[in-house]
Amino acid sequence: MFDKIVWSIGFFNSIVNSCLILDNYDIPITYKNVASISCDFSILLYGVIVPVVYYNQIESWKKRVEVIMRGCFKPKVAPLKDTFGHDLVSHGACEDTTKYFEMLAKQWK
């Protein structure tokens, strides 16, 4: 388990370091561009593959990711509060609608 993690980290670190070393030599620009692109691609793969290897190899990561994913999809509903932090209590749609139209009728008079 741990050896796969170490090998994946070491592999990508050696690729990135060799690409960066090649970039500092006096070589044709084509080789420098290839080294730069391969370095960027290795960093991208490193950011994607290493967490996948960790997830597949370490049981605590699996449990933690499951807990996080369960929490992501739960709706978080908080009570409505006014500006001063007091709870806004709805009395129901019928009562609110009646009150609205009564206030509207008073304004029209």
N, C-alpha and C. Protein backbone atom coordinates (compact mmCIF):
# COMPACT_ATOMS: atom_id res chain seq x y z
N MET A 1 0.82 -1.18 0.00
CA MET A 1 0.00 0.00 0.00
C MET A 1 0.87 1.25 0.00
N PHE A 2 1.70 1.39 1.00
CA PHE A 2 2.53 2.59 1.12
C PHE A 2 3.53 2.69 -0.02
N ASP A 3 4.01 1.54 -0.51
CA ASP A 3 4.99 1.58 -1.61
C ASP A 3 4.38 2.12 -2.90
N LYS A 4 3.08 1.84 -3.16
CA LYS A 4 2.44 2.40 -4.34
C LYS A 4 2.33 3.92 -4.25
N ILE A 5 2.03 4.39 -3.06
CA ILE A 5 1.93 5.84 -2.86
C ILE A 5 3.28 6.49 -3.06
N VAL A 6 4.32 5.90 -2.48
CA VAL A 6 5.67 6.45 -2.60
C VAL A 6 6.14 6.41 -4.06
N TRP A 7 5.86 5.31 -4.76
CA TRP A 7 6.27 5.20 -6.16
C TRP A 7 5.55 6.22 -7.04
N SER A 8 4.26 6.44 -6.79
CA SER A 8 3.54 7.41 -7.62
C SER A 8 4.05 8.83 -7.36
N ILE A 9 4.30 9.17 -6.12
CA ILE A 9 4.83 10.50 -5.81
C ILE A 9 6.24 10.66 -6.38
N GLY A 10 7.07 9.65 -6.18
CA GLY A 10 8.45 9.71 -6.68
C GLY A 10 8.52 9.78 -8.19
N PHE A 11 7.66 9.04 -8.86
CA PHE A 11 7.64 9.04 -10.33
C PHE A 11 7.34 10.44 -10.87
N PHE A 12 6.30 11.06 -10.36
CA PHE A 12 5.94 12.39 -10.85
C PHE A 12 6.95 13.45 -10.44
N ASN A 13 7.52 13.32 -9.26
CA ASN A 13 8.55 14.27 -8.84
C ASN A 13 9.79 14.17 -9.73
N SER A 14 10.19 12.97 -10.10
CA SER A 14 11.36 12.82 -10.96
C SER A 14 11.09 13.38 -12.37
N ILE A 15 9.89 13.17 -12.89
CA ILE A 15 9.56 13.73 -14.21
C ILE A 15 9.58 15.25 -14.17
N VAL A 16 8.96 15.84 -13.16
CA VAL A 16 8.90 17.30 -13.06
C VAL A 16 10.30 17.87 -12.89
N ASN A 17 11.11 17.27 -12.03
CA ASN A 17 12.47 17.79 -11.81
C ASN A 17 13.33 17.66 -13.06
N SER A 18 13.22 16.55 -13.77
CA SER A 18 14.01 16.40 -14.99
C SER A 18 13.57 17.40 -16.06
N CYS A 19 12.29 17.67 -16.16
CA CYS A 19 11.81 18.67 -17.13
C CYS A 19 12.31 20.06 -16.76
N LEU A 20 12.30 20.39 -15.49
CA LEU A 20 12.78 21.71 -15.07
C LEU A 20 14.29 21.84 -15.25
N ILE A 21 15.03 20.77 -15.06
CA ILE A 21 16.47 20.81 -15.28
C ILE A 21 16.76 20.98 -16.77
N LEU A 22 16.04 20.27 -17.62
CA LEU A 22 16.23 20.41 -19.06
C LEU A 22 15.94 21.83 -19.54
N ASP A 23 15.01 22.49 -18.89
CA ASP A 23 14.64 23.84 -19.29
C ASP A 23 15.77 24.84 -19.05
N ASN A 24 16.72 24.54 -18.17
CA ASN A 24 17.80 25.47 -17.85
C ASN A 24 19.04 25.29 -18.72
N TYR A 25 19.11 24.21 -19.49
CA TYR A 25 20.28 24.00 -20.36
C TYR A 25 20.13 24.80 -21.66
N ASP A 26 21.26 24.99 -22.33
CA ASP A 26 21.25 25.66 -23.64
C ASP A 26 20.96 24.62 -24.71
N ILE A 27 19.70 24.33 -24.92
CA ILE A 27 19.25 23.37 -25.92
C ILE A 27 18.26 24.09 -26.84
N PRO A 28 17.96 23.52 -27.98
CA PRO A 28 17.00 24.17 -28.89
C PRO A 28 15.65 24.44 -28.20
N ILE A 29 14.97 25.47 -28.67
CA ILE A 29 13.72 25.90 -28.06
C ILE A 29 12.64 24.83 -28.15
N THR A 30 12.70 23.99 -29.17
CA THR A 30 11.72 22.91 -29.31
C THR A 30 11.78 21.96 -28.12
N TYR A 31 13.00 21.59 -27.71
CA TYR A 31 13.16 20.69 -26.56
C TYR A 31 12.71 21.37 -25.28
N LYS A 32 12.97 22.67 -25.16
CA LYS A 32 12.52 23.40 -23.98
C LYS A 32 10.99 23.44 -23.92
N ASN A 33 10.37 23.64 -25.08
CA ASN A 33 8.90 23.66 -25.11
C ASN A 33 8.31 22.29 -24.76
N VAL A 34 8.92 21.24 -25.29
CA VAL A 34 8.46 19.88 -24.97
C VAL A 34 8.63 19.60 -23.48
N ALA A 35 9.75 20.04 -22.91
CA ALA A 35 9.98 19.85 -21.48
C ALA A 35 8.96 20.62 -20.65
N SER A 36 8.65 21.82 -21.08
CA SER A 36 7.67 22.64 -20.35
C SER A 36 6.27 22.02 -20.42
N ILE A 37 5.89 21.55 -21.60
CA ILE A 37 4.57 20.93 -21.74
C ILE A 37 4.48 19.63 -20.95
N SER A 38 5.54 18.83 -20.99
CA SER A 38 5.52 17.57 -20.24
C SER A 38 5.53 17.84 -18.73
N CYS A 39 6.18 18.92 -18.30
CA CYS A 39 6.17 19.29 -16.88
C CYS A 39 4.75 19.68 -16.46
N ASP A 40 4.09 20.52 -17.25
CA ASP A 40 2.73 20.93 -16.93
C ASP A 40 1.78 19.73 -16.92
N PHE A 41 1.93 18.85 -17.90
CA PHE A 41 1.07 17.68 -17.96
C PHE A 41 1.32 16.74 -16.77
N SER A 42 2.57 16.61 -16.36
CA SER A 42 2.90 15.77 -15.21
C SER A 42 2.32 16.34 -13.93
N ILE A 43 2.36 17.65 -13.80
CA ILE A 43 1.78 18.28 -12.60
C ILE A 43 0.27 18.06 -12.59
N LEU A 44 -0.37 18.17 -13.75
CA LEU A 44 -1.81 17.91 -13.83
C LEU A 44 -2.13 16.47 -13.46
N LEU A 45 -1.40 15.54 -14.03
CA LEU A 45 -1.63 14.13 -13.69
C LEU A 45 -1.34 13.85 -12.22
N TYR A 46 -0.31 14.47 -11.68
CA TYR A 46 0.04 14.31 -10.27
C TYR A 46 -1.12 14.75 -9.39
N GLY A 47 -1.75 15.87 -9.75
CA GLY A 47 -2.87 16.37 -8.96
C GLY A 47 -4.11 15.51 -9.07
N VAL A 48 -4.22 14.71 -10.12
CA VAL A 48 -5.39 13.87 -10.30
C VAL A 48 -5.12 12.44 -9.83
N ILE A 49 -3.98 11.88 -10.18
CA ILE A 49 -3.72 10.46 -9.92
C ILE A 49 -3.37 10.18 -8.46
N VAL A 50 -2.57 11.03 -7.84
CA VAL A 50 -2.16 10.77 -6.46
C VAL A 50 -3.36 10.70 -5.51
N PRO A 51 -4.33 11.63 -5.57
CA PRO A 51 -5.50 11.46 -4.70
C PRO A 51 -6.30 10.18 -4.99
N VAL A 52 -6.34 9.77 -6.26
CA VAL A 52 -7.04 8.52 -6.60
C VAL A 52 -6.32 7.33 -6.00
N VAL A 53 -4.99 7.34 -6.06
CA VAL A 53 -4.21 6.25 -5.46
C VAL A 53 -4.42 6.23 -3.95
N TYR A 54 -4.39 7.41 -3.32
CA TYR A 54 -4.64 7.48 -1.88
C TYR A 54 -6.02 6.93 -1.56
N TYR A 55 -7.02 7.34 -2.34
CA TYR A 55 -8.40 6.90 -2.08
C TYR A 55 -8.52 5.39 -2.20
N ASN A 56 -7.87 4.80 -3.20
CA ASN A 56 -7.97 3.35 -3.40
C ASN A 56 -7.16 2.56 -2.39
N GLN A 57 -6.10 3.13 -1.83
CA GLN A 57 -5.21 2.37 -0.97
C GLN A 57 -5.44 2.57 0.52
N ILE A 58 -5.99 3.70 0.91
CA ILE A 58 -6.11 4.01 2.34
C ILE A 58 -7.58 4.02 2.74
N GLU A 59 -7.91 3.18 3.70
CA GLU A 59 -9.31 3.00 4.12
C GLU A 59 -9.86 4.26 4.79
N SER A 60 -9.02 4.97 5.53
CA SER A 60 -9.52 6.17 6.21
C SER A 60 -9.91 7.26 5.21
N TRP A 61 -9.22 7.31 4.06
CA TRP A 61 -9.59 8.28 3.02
C TRP A 61 -10.96 7.92 2.45
N LYS A 62 -11.22 6.64 2.24
CA LYS A 62 -12.52 6.22 1.71
C LYS A 62 -13.64 6.63 2.65
N LYS A 63 -13.44 6.39 3.95
CA LYS A 63 -14.47 6.74 4.92
C LYS A 63 -14.68 8.25 4.96
N ARG A 64 -13.59 9.00 4.94
CA ARG A 64 -13.70 10.45 5.02
C ARG A 64 -14.38 11.03 3.77
N VAL A 65 -14.04 10.51 2.60
CA VAL A 65 -14.67 10.99 1.36
C VAL A 65 -16.16 10.66 1.36
N GLU A 66 -16.53 9.48 1.86
CA GLU A 66 -17.95 9.13 1.94
C GLU A 66 -18.70 10.07 2.87
N VAL A 67 -18.10 10.43 4.00
CA VAL A 67 -18.73 11.36 4.92
C VAL A 67 -18.89 12.73 4.27
N ILE A 68 -17.86 13.18 3.56
CA ILE A 68 -17.92 14.48 2.90
C ILE A 68 -18.99 14.47 1.81
N MET A 69 -19.04 13.40 1.02
CA MET A 69 -20.00 13.34 -0.07
C MET A 69 -21.44 13.24 0.46
N ARG A 70 -21.64 12.55 1.57
CA ARG A 70 -22.98 12.49 2.16
C ARG A 70 -23.40 13.88 2.63
N GLY A 71 -22.47 14.63 3.18
CA GLY A 71 -22.79 15.96 3.68
C GLY A 71 -23.00 16.98 2.57
N CYS A 72 -22.43 16.73 1.40
CA CYS A 72 -22.56 17.69 0.29
C CYS A 72 -23.97 17.72 -0.28
N PHE A 73 -24.65 16.60 -0.27
CA PHE A 73 -25.93 16.52 -0.95
C PHE A 73 -27.12 16.72 -0.02
N LYS A 74 -26.87 16.94 1.27
CA LYS A 74 -27.97 17.22 2.18
C LYS A 74 -28.32 18.70 2.09
N PRO A 75 -29.59 18.99 1.97
CA PRO A 75 -29.95 20.42 1.95
C PRO A 75 -29.78 21.02 3.33
N LYS A 76 -29.21 22.19 3.35
CA LYS A 76 -28.99 22.88 4.62
C LYS A 76 -30.05 23.97 4.72
N VAL A 77 -31.02 23.74 5.58
CA VAL A 77 -32.13 24.67 5.73
C VAL A 77 -31.98 25.36 7.07
N ALA A 78 -31.92 26.67 7.03
CA ALA A 78 -31.82 27.47 8.25
C ALA A 78 -33.11 28.28 8.39
N PRO A 79 -33.51 28.56 9.60
CA PRO A 79 -34.72 29.37 9.78
C PRO A 79 -34.50 30.79 9.27
N LEU A 80 -35.55 31.37 8.73
CA LEU A 80 -35.47 32.74 8.24
C LEU A 80 -35.37 33.70 9.42
N LYS A 81 -34.49 34.67 9.28
CA LYS A 81 -34.32 35.66 10.34
C LYS A 81 -34.38 37.06 9.73
N ASP A 82 -34.83 38.01 10.54
CA ASP A 82 -34.85 39.39 10.07
C ASP A 82 -33.49 40.03 10.31
N THR A 83 -33.42 41.33 10.10
CA THR A 83 -32.15 42.05 10.22
C THR A 83 -31.57 41.98 11.62
N PHE A 84 -32.42 41.90 12.61
CA PHE A 84 -31.98 41.91 14.00
C PHE A 84 -31.75 40.51 14.57
N GLY A 85 -31.93 39.47 13.76
CA GLY A 85 -31.67 38.10 14.19
C GLY A 85 -32.87 37.40 14.78
N HIS A 86 -34.05 38.01 14.72
CA HIS A 86 -35.25 37.37 15.23
C HIS A 86 -35.83 36.45 14.16
N ASP A 87 -36.40 35.34 14.61
CA ASP A 87 -36.98 34.39 13.67
C ASP A 87 -38.20 34.98 12.99
N LEU A 88 -38.29 34.78 11.68
CA LEU A 88 -39.48 35.15 10.93
C LEU A 88 -40.37 33.93 10.86
N VAL A 89 -41.56 34.04 11.44
CA VAL A 89 -42.47 32.91 11.48
C VAL A 89 -43.58 33.16 10.47
N SER A 90 -43.73 32.24 9.57
CA SER A 90 -44.80 32.34 8.58
C SER A 90 -46.07 31.76 9.17
N HIS A 91 -47.18 32.46 9.00
CA HIS A 91 -48.46 31.99 9.54
C HIS A 91 -49.25 31.18 8.53
N GLY A 92 -48.68 30.99 7.39
CA GLY A 92 -49.37 30.22 6.37
C GLY A 92 -49.64 31.09 5.16
N ALA A 93 -49.77 30.47 4.03
CA ALA A 93 -49.96 31.19 2.77
C ALA A 93 -51.30 31.90 2.73
N CYS A 94 -52.33 31.30 3.26
CA CYS A 94 -53.67 31.89 3.21
C CYS A 94 -53.71 33.18 4.03
N GLU A 95 -53.19 33.14 5.22
CA GLU A 95 -53.20 34.32 6.09
C GLU A 95 -52.33 35.44 5.51
N ASP A 96 -51.16 35.08 4.98
CA ASP A 96 -50.29 36.09 4.38
C ASP A 96 -50.93 36.72 3.16
N THR A 97 -51.59 35.92 2.35
CA THR A 97 -52.25 36.44 1.16
C THR A 97 -53.39 37.37 1.54
N THR A 98 -54.17 36.97 2.53
CA THR A 98 -55.28 37.82 2.99
C THR A 98 -54.76 39.15 3.52
N LYS A 99 -53.72 39.11 4.31
CA LYS A 99 -53.14 40.33 4.87
C LYS A 99 -52.60 41.22 3.75
N TYR A 100 -51.98 40.64 2.75
CA TYR A 100 -51.43 41.41 1.63
C TYR A 100 -52.54 42.16 0.89
N PHE A 101 -53.62 41.45 0.58
CA PHE A 101 -54.69 42.09 -0.17
C PHE A 101 -55.45 43.11 0.68
N GLU A 102 -55.54 42.90 1.98
CA GLU A 102 -56.14 43.92 2.85
C GLU A 102 -55.31 45.19 2.85
N MET A 103 -53.98 45.04 2.93
CA MET A 103 -53.10 46.20 2.89
C MET A 103 -53.19 46.89 1.53
N LEU A 104 -53.29 46.13 0.47
CA LEU A 104 -53.41 46.69 -0.87
C LEU A 104 -54.72 47.46 -1.03
N ALA A 105 -55.80 46.92 -0.49
CA ALA A 105 -57.10 47.59 -0.56
C ALA A 105 -57.06 48.91 0.21
N LYS A 106 -56.35 48.94 1.36
CA LYS A 106 -56.23 50.18 2.14
C LYS A 106 -55.45 51.22 1.36
N GLN A 107 -54.44 50.81 0.62
CA GLN A 107 -53.66 51.76 -0.16
C GLN A 107 -54.45 52.33 -1.31
N TRP A 108 -55.32 51.56 -1.90
CA TRP A 108 -56.08 52.01 -3.05
C TRP A 108 -57.19 52.98 -2.65
N LYS A 109 -57.62 52.98 -1.41
CA LYS A 109 -58.71 53.85 -0.96
C LYS A 109 -58.25 55.26 -0.80
